[in-house]
């Protein structure tokens, strides 16, 4: 699966391809397997990034700027998730104490 995914991915943000499109090309029902394969490929050393702005999807990083933009995106997501977690725990704590 990983070899097939890497063969579909293109170099550069402007050639990003959606996970659902990769899944379709591979005959998968959804993109969960694609996400797992991409995580494994990153762990193996492939510089695969994603974008949530058009063009949406996954791509192989081609330069330092693309890498830095993606790393900043990940940092922002971590901060948002940490804030959401904090707020949830506060809300749950207040609600469950009643």
N, C-alpha and C. Protein backbone atom coordinates (compact mmCIF):
# COMPACT_ATOMS: atom_id res chain seq x y z
N UNK A 1 0.82 -1.20 0.00
CA UNK A 1 0.00 0.00 0.00
C UNK A 1 0.86 1.26 0.00
N UNK A 2 1.92 1.27 0.82
CA UNK A 2 2.77 2.46 0.91
C UNK A 2 3.43 2.76 -0.42
N UNK A 3 3.91 1.73 -1.10
CA UNK A 3 4.56 1.94 -2.41
C UNK A 3 3.57 2.53 -3.41
N UNK A 4 2.34 2.06 -3.35
CA UNK A 4 1.33 2.58 -4.27
C UNK A 4 1.00 4.04 -3.96
N UNK A 5 0.90 4.37 -2.67
CA UNK A 5 0.60 5.74 -2.28
C UNK A 5 1.73 6.67 -2.72
N UNK A 6 2.97 6.29 -2.45
CA UNK A 6 4.10 7.15 -2.81
C UNK A 6 4.19 7.33 -4.32
N UNK A 7 3.76 6.35 -5.07
CA UNK A 7 3.81 6.48 -6.53
C UNK A 7 2.76 7.45 -7.06
N UNK A 8 1.71 7.69 -6.29
CA UNK A 8 0.65 8.61 -6.70
C UNK A 8 0.97 10.05 -6.30
N UNK A 9 1.63 10.22 -5.17
CA UNK A 9 1.91 11.57 -4.68
C UNK A 9 2.81 12.34 -5.65
N UNK A 10 2.56 13.64 -5.73
CA UNK A 10 3.32 14.52 -6.61
C UNK A 10 4.22 15.43 -5.76
N UNK A 11 5.24 15.98 -6.40
CA UNK A 11 6.15 16.91 -5.73
C UNK A 11 5.62 18.33 -5.82
N UNK A 12 5.53 18.99 -4.67
CA UNK A 12 5.13 20.39 -4.63
C UNK A 12 3.70 20.60 -4.20
N UNK A 13 3.49 21.65 -3.42
CA UNK A 13 2.17 21.98 -2.87
C UNK A 13 1.14 22.21 -3.97
N UNK A 14 1.57 22.80 -5.07
CA UNK A 14 0.63 23.10 -6.16
C UNK A 14 0.10 21.85 -6.85
N UNK A 15 0.67 20.69 -6.52
CA UNK A 15 0.22 19.43 -7.11
C UNK A 15 -0.38 18.50 -6.04
N UNK A 16 -0.85 19.10 -4.95
CA UNK A 16 -1.45 18.31 -3.87
C UNK A 16 -2.63 17.51 -4.39
N UNK A 17 -2.81 16.33 -3.82
CA UNK A 17 -3.90 15.44 -4.22
C UNK A 17 -4.65 14.98 -2.98
N UNK A 18 -5.96 15.06 -3.05
CA UNK A 18 -6.80 14.70 -1.90
C UNK A 18 -6.64 13.22 -1.54
N UNK A 19 -6.78 12.96 -0.24
CA UNK A 19 -6.74 11.57 0.23
C UNK A 19 -7.83 10.73 -0.40
N UNK A 20 -9.00 11.32 -0.59
CA UNK A 20 -10.10 10.58 -1.19
C UNK A 20 -9.79 10.19 -2.64
N UNK A 21 -9.06 11.05 -3.35
CA UNK A 21 -8.67 10.74 -4.72
C UNK A 21 -7.64 9.60 -4.74
N UNK A 22 -6.70 9.65 -3.81
CA UNK A 22 -5.70 8.57 -3.71
C UNK A 22 -6.42 7.26 -3.41
N UNK A 23 -7.36 7.30 -2.46
CA UNK A 23 -8.12 6.10 -2.09
C UNK A 23 -8.89 5.57 -3.31
N UNK A 24 -9.50 6.46 -4.05
CA UNK A 24 -10.25 6.05 -5.24
C UNK A 24 -9.33 5.36 -6.24
N UNK A 25 -8.17 5.93 -6.48
CA UNK A 25 -7.22 5.34 -7.42
C UNK A 25 -6.74 3.96 -6.97
N UNK A 26 -6.70 3.77 -5.65
CA UNK A 26 -6.23 2.50 -5.11
C UNK A 26 -7.37 1.51 -4.87
N UNK A 27 -8.60 1.94 -5.09
CA UNK A 27 -9.75 1.07 -4.90
C UNK A 27 -10.14 0.89 -3.45
N UNK A 28 -9.78 1.84 -2.59
CA UNK A 28 -10.15 1.78 -1.17
C UNK A 28 -11.52 2.41 -0.96
N UNK A 29 -12.25 1.95 0.06
CA UNK A 29 -13.58 2.50 0.35
C UNK A 29 -13.49 3.93 0.89
N UNK A 30 -12.46 4.21 1.68
CA UNK A 30 -12.29 5.55 2.24
C UNK A 30 -10.80 5.86 2.33
N UNK A 31 -10.49 7.03 2.85
CA UNK A 31 -9.08 7.44 2.87
C UNK A 31 -8.35 7.10 4.17
N UNK A 32 -8.97 6.32 5.06
CA UNK A 32 -8.30 5.95 6.31
C UNK A 32 -7.00 5.19 6.04
N UNK A 33 -7.04 4.22 5.14
CA UNK A 33 -5.83 3.46 4.81
C UNK A 33 -4.76 4.37 4.22
N UNK A 34 -5.19 5.35 3.45
CA UNK A 34 -4.25 6.31 2.86
C UNK A 34 -3.57 7.11 3.96
N UNK A 35 -4.35 7.60 4.92
CA UNK A 35 -3.77 8.37 6.03
C UNK A 35 -2.76 7.54 6.81
N UNK A 36 -3.10 6.28 7.07
CA UNK A 36 -2.18 5.39 7.80
C UNK A 36 -0.90 5.15 6.99
N UNK A 37 -1.06 4.95 5.71
CA UNK A 37 0.11 4.74 4.85
C UNK A 37 0.99 5.98 4.82
N UNK A 38 0.37 7.15 4.77
CA UNK A 38 1.15 8.39 4.74
C UNK A 38 1.90 8.58 6.06
N UNK A 39 1.25 8.29 7.17
CA UNK A 39 1.95 8.38 8.47
C UNK A 39 3.17 7.47 8.49
N UNK A 40 3.00 6.25 7.98
CA UNK A 40 4.11 5.29 7.94
C UNK A 40 5.22 5.79 7.02
N UNK A 41 4.86 6.36 5.89
CA UNK A 41 5.86 6.88 4.95
C UNK A 41 6.64 8.04 5.57
N UNK A 42 5.95 8.90 6.30
CA UNK A 42 6.64 10.01 6.98
C UNK A 42 7.62 9.45 8.00
N UNK A 43 7.19 8.44 8.76
CA UNK A 43 8.08 7.82 9.75
C UNK A 43 9.29 7.17 9.10
N UNK A 44 9.13 6.73 7.85
CA UNK A 44 10.24 6.12 7.11
C UNK A 44 11.17 7.17 6.48
N UNK A 45 10.78 8.44 6.55
CA UNK A 45 11.66 9.49 6.07
C UNK A 45 11.19 10.24 4.83
N UNK A 46 9.98 9.98 4.37
CA UNK A 46 9.45 10.72 3.22
C UNK A 46 8.86 12.05 3.71
N UNK A 47 9.23 13.17 3.09
CA UNK A 47 8.72 14.47 3.52
C UNK A 47 7.35 14.77 2.90
N UNK A 48 6.33 14.12 3.43
CA UNK A 48 4.98 14.28 2.91
C UNK A 48 4.24 15.27 3.81
N UNK A 49 3.63 16.26 3.16
CA UNK A 49 2.88 17.28 3.88
C UNK A 49 1.46 17.29 3.34
N UNK A 50 0.61 18.06 3.99
CA UNK A 50 -0.75 18.22 3.51
C UNK A 50 -1.14 19.68 3.62
N UNK A 51 -2.17 20.04 2.91
CA UNK A 51 -2.66 21.41 2.96
C UNK A 51 -4.16 21.41 3.09
N UNK A 52 -4.67 22.36 3.85
CA UNK A 52 -6.11 22.50 4.02
C UNK A 52 -6.62 23.70 3.24
N UNK A 53 -5.78 24.22 2.36
CA UNK A 53 -6.17 25.30 1.47
C UNK A 53 -5.98 24.82 0.04
N UNK A 54 -6.75 25.38 -0.86
CA UNK A 54 -6.68 24.94 -2.26
C UNK A 54 -5.28 25.15 -2.84
N UNK A 55 -4.73 24.16 -3.52
CA UNK A 55 -5.30 22.85 -3.77
C UNK A 55 -5.16 21.95 -2.54
N UNK A 56 -6.23 21.32 -2.15
CA UNK A 56 -6.27 20.49 -0.96
C UNK A 56 -5.56 19.15 -1.19
N UNK A 57 -4.99 18.60 -0.12
CA UNK A 57 -4.46 17.26 -0.22
C UNK A 57 -3.05 17.09 0.27
N UNK A 58 -2.46 15.97 -0.15
CA UNK A 58 -1.11 15.57 0.24
C UNK A 58 -0.15 15.82 -0.90
N UNK A 59 1.10 16.08 -0.54
CA UNK A 59 2.14 16.29 -1.54
C UNK A 59 3.51 16.01 -0.92
N UNK A 60 4.49 15.82 -1.77
CA UNK A 60 5.87 15.65 -1.31
C UNK A 60 6.53 17.02 -1.30
N UNK A 61 7.07 17.39 -0.17
CA UNK A 61 7.70 18.70 0.01
C UNK A 61 8.92 18.81 -0.92
N UNK A 62 9.04 19.97 -1.56
CA UNK A 62 10.14 20.17 -2.51
C UNK A 62 11.18 21.16 -2.05
N UNK A 63 10.84 22.01 -1.06
CA UNK A 63 11.83 22.99 -0.61
C UNK A 63 11.60 23.35 0.86
N UNK A 64 12.53 24.10 1.38
CA UNK A 64 12.50 24.45 2.81
C UNK A 64 11.26 25.27 3.16
N UNK A 65 10.85 26.14 2.27
CA UNK A 65 9.68 26.97 2.56
C UNK A 65 8.42 26.12 2.72
N UNK A 66 8.21 25.15 1.83
CA UNK A 66 7.05 24.26 1.98
C UNK A 66 7.12 23.51 3.30
N UNK A 67 8.30 23.07 3.67
CA UNK A 67 8.48 22.35 4.93
C UNK A 67 8.15 23.25 6.12
N UNK A 68 8.62 24.48 6.09
CA UNK A 68 8.38 25.41 7.19
C UNK A 68 6.90 25.78 7.31
N UNK A 69 6.24 25.99 6.19
CA UNK A 69 4.80 26.31 6.20
C UNK A 69 4.02 25.15 6.80
N UNK A 70 4.35 23.93 6.39
CA UNK A 70 3.64 22.77 6.93
C UNK A 70 3.93 22.59 8.42
N UNK A 71 5.16 22.78 8.82
CA UNK A 71 5.50 22.66 10.25
C UNK A 71 4.74 23.69 11.07
N UNK A 72 4.58 24.90 10.55
CA UNK A 72 3.81 25.93 11.25
C UNK A 72 2.34 25.55 11.34
N UNK A 73 1.83 24.94 10.29
CA UNK A 73 0.44 24.48 10.30
C UNK A 73 0.24 23.43 11.40
N UNK A 74 1.18 22.50 11.50
CA UNK A 74 1.09 21.48 12.55
C UNK A 74 1.14 22.11 13.94
N UNK A 75 2.01 23.10 14.11
CA UNK A 75 2.11 23.79 15.40
C UNK A 75 0.79 24.47 15.75
N UNK A 76 0.18 25.13 14.78
CA UNK A 76 -1.10 25.80 15.01
C UNK A 76 -2.18 24.80 15.39
N UNK A 77 -2.19 23.65 14.73
CA UNK A 77 -3.17 22.61 15.06
C UNK A 77 -2.98 22.11 16.49
N UNK A 78 -1.72 21.95 16.90
CA UNK A 78 -1.44 21.49 18.27
C UNK A 78 -1.97 22.49 19.29
N UNK A 79 -1.76 23.77 19.03
CA UNK A 79 -2.23 24.81 19.94
C UNK A 79 -3.75 24.81 20.00
N UNK A 80 -4.40 24.72 18.84
CA UNK A 80 -5.86 24.67 18.81
C UNK A 80 -6.39 23.46 19.56
N UNK A 81 -5.77 22.30 19.35
CA UNK A 81 -6.20 21.09 20.04
C UNK A 81 -6.00 21.20 21.54
N UNK A 82 -4.90 21.78 21.97
CA UNK A 82 -4.63 21.94 23.40
C UNK A 82 -5.65 22.89 24.03
N UNK A 83 -5.99 23.95 23.33
CA UNK A 83 -7.00 24.89 23.82
C UNK A 83 -8.36 24.23 23.91
N UNK A 84 -8.74 23.48 22.88
CA UNK A 84 -10.02 22.78 22.87
C UNK A 84 -10.07 21.76 24.01
N UNK A 85 -8.96 21.05 24.24
CA UNK A 85 -8.90 20.05 25.32
C UNK A 85 -9.08 20.73 26.67
N UNK A 86 -8.38 21.85 26.88
CA UNK A 86 -8.49 22.58 28.15
C UNK A 86 -9.92 23.03 28.38
N UNK A 87 -10.53 23.63 27.35
CA UNK A 87 -11.89 24.13 27.49
C UNK A 87 -12.88 22.99 27.73
N UNK A 88 -12.69 21.88 27.04
CA UNK A 88 -13.56 20.73 27.25
C UNK A 88 -13.47 20.22 28.68
N UNK A 89 -12.24 20.06 29.18
CA UNK A 89 -12.08 19.55 30.55
C UNK A 89 -12.70 20.48 31.57
N UNK A 90 -12.58 21.79 31.37
CA UNK A 90 -13.22 22.75 32.27
C UNK A 90 -14.74 22.60 32.22
N UNK A 91 -15.29 22.53 31.02
CA UNK A 91 -16.74 22.41 30.85
C UNK A 91 -17.24 21.10 31.44
N UNK A 92 -16.56 20.01 31.14
CA UNK A 92 -16.97 18.71 31.66
C UNK A 92 -16.90 18.70 33.17
N UNK A 93 -15.83 19.28 33.71
CA UNK A 93 -15.68 19.32 35.16
C UNK A 93 -16.80 20.08 35.83
N UNK A 94 -17.15 21.23 35.27
CA UNK A 94 -18.25 22.03 35.86
C UNK A 94 -19.59 21.30 35.72
N UNK A 95 -19.81 20.71 34.57
CA UNK A 95 -21.07 20.01 34.33
C UNK A 95 -21.21 18.76 35.19
N UNK A 96 -20.14 18.02 35.34
CA UNK A 96 -20.21 16.75 36.06
C UNK A 96 -20.18 16.95 37.56
N UNK A 97 -19.77 18.12 38.04
CA UNK A 97 -19.76 18.37 39.49
C UNK A 97 -21.18 18.62 40.03
N UNK A 98 -22.10 18.98 39.14
CA UNK A 98 -23.48 19.30 39.57
C UNK A 98 -24.21 18.08 40.06
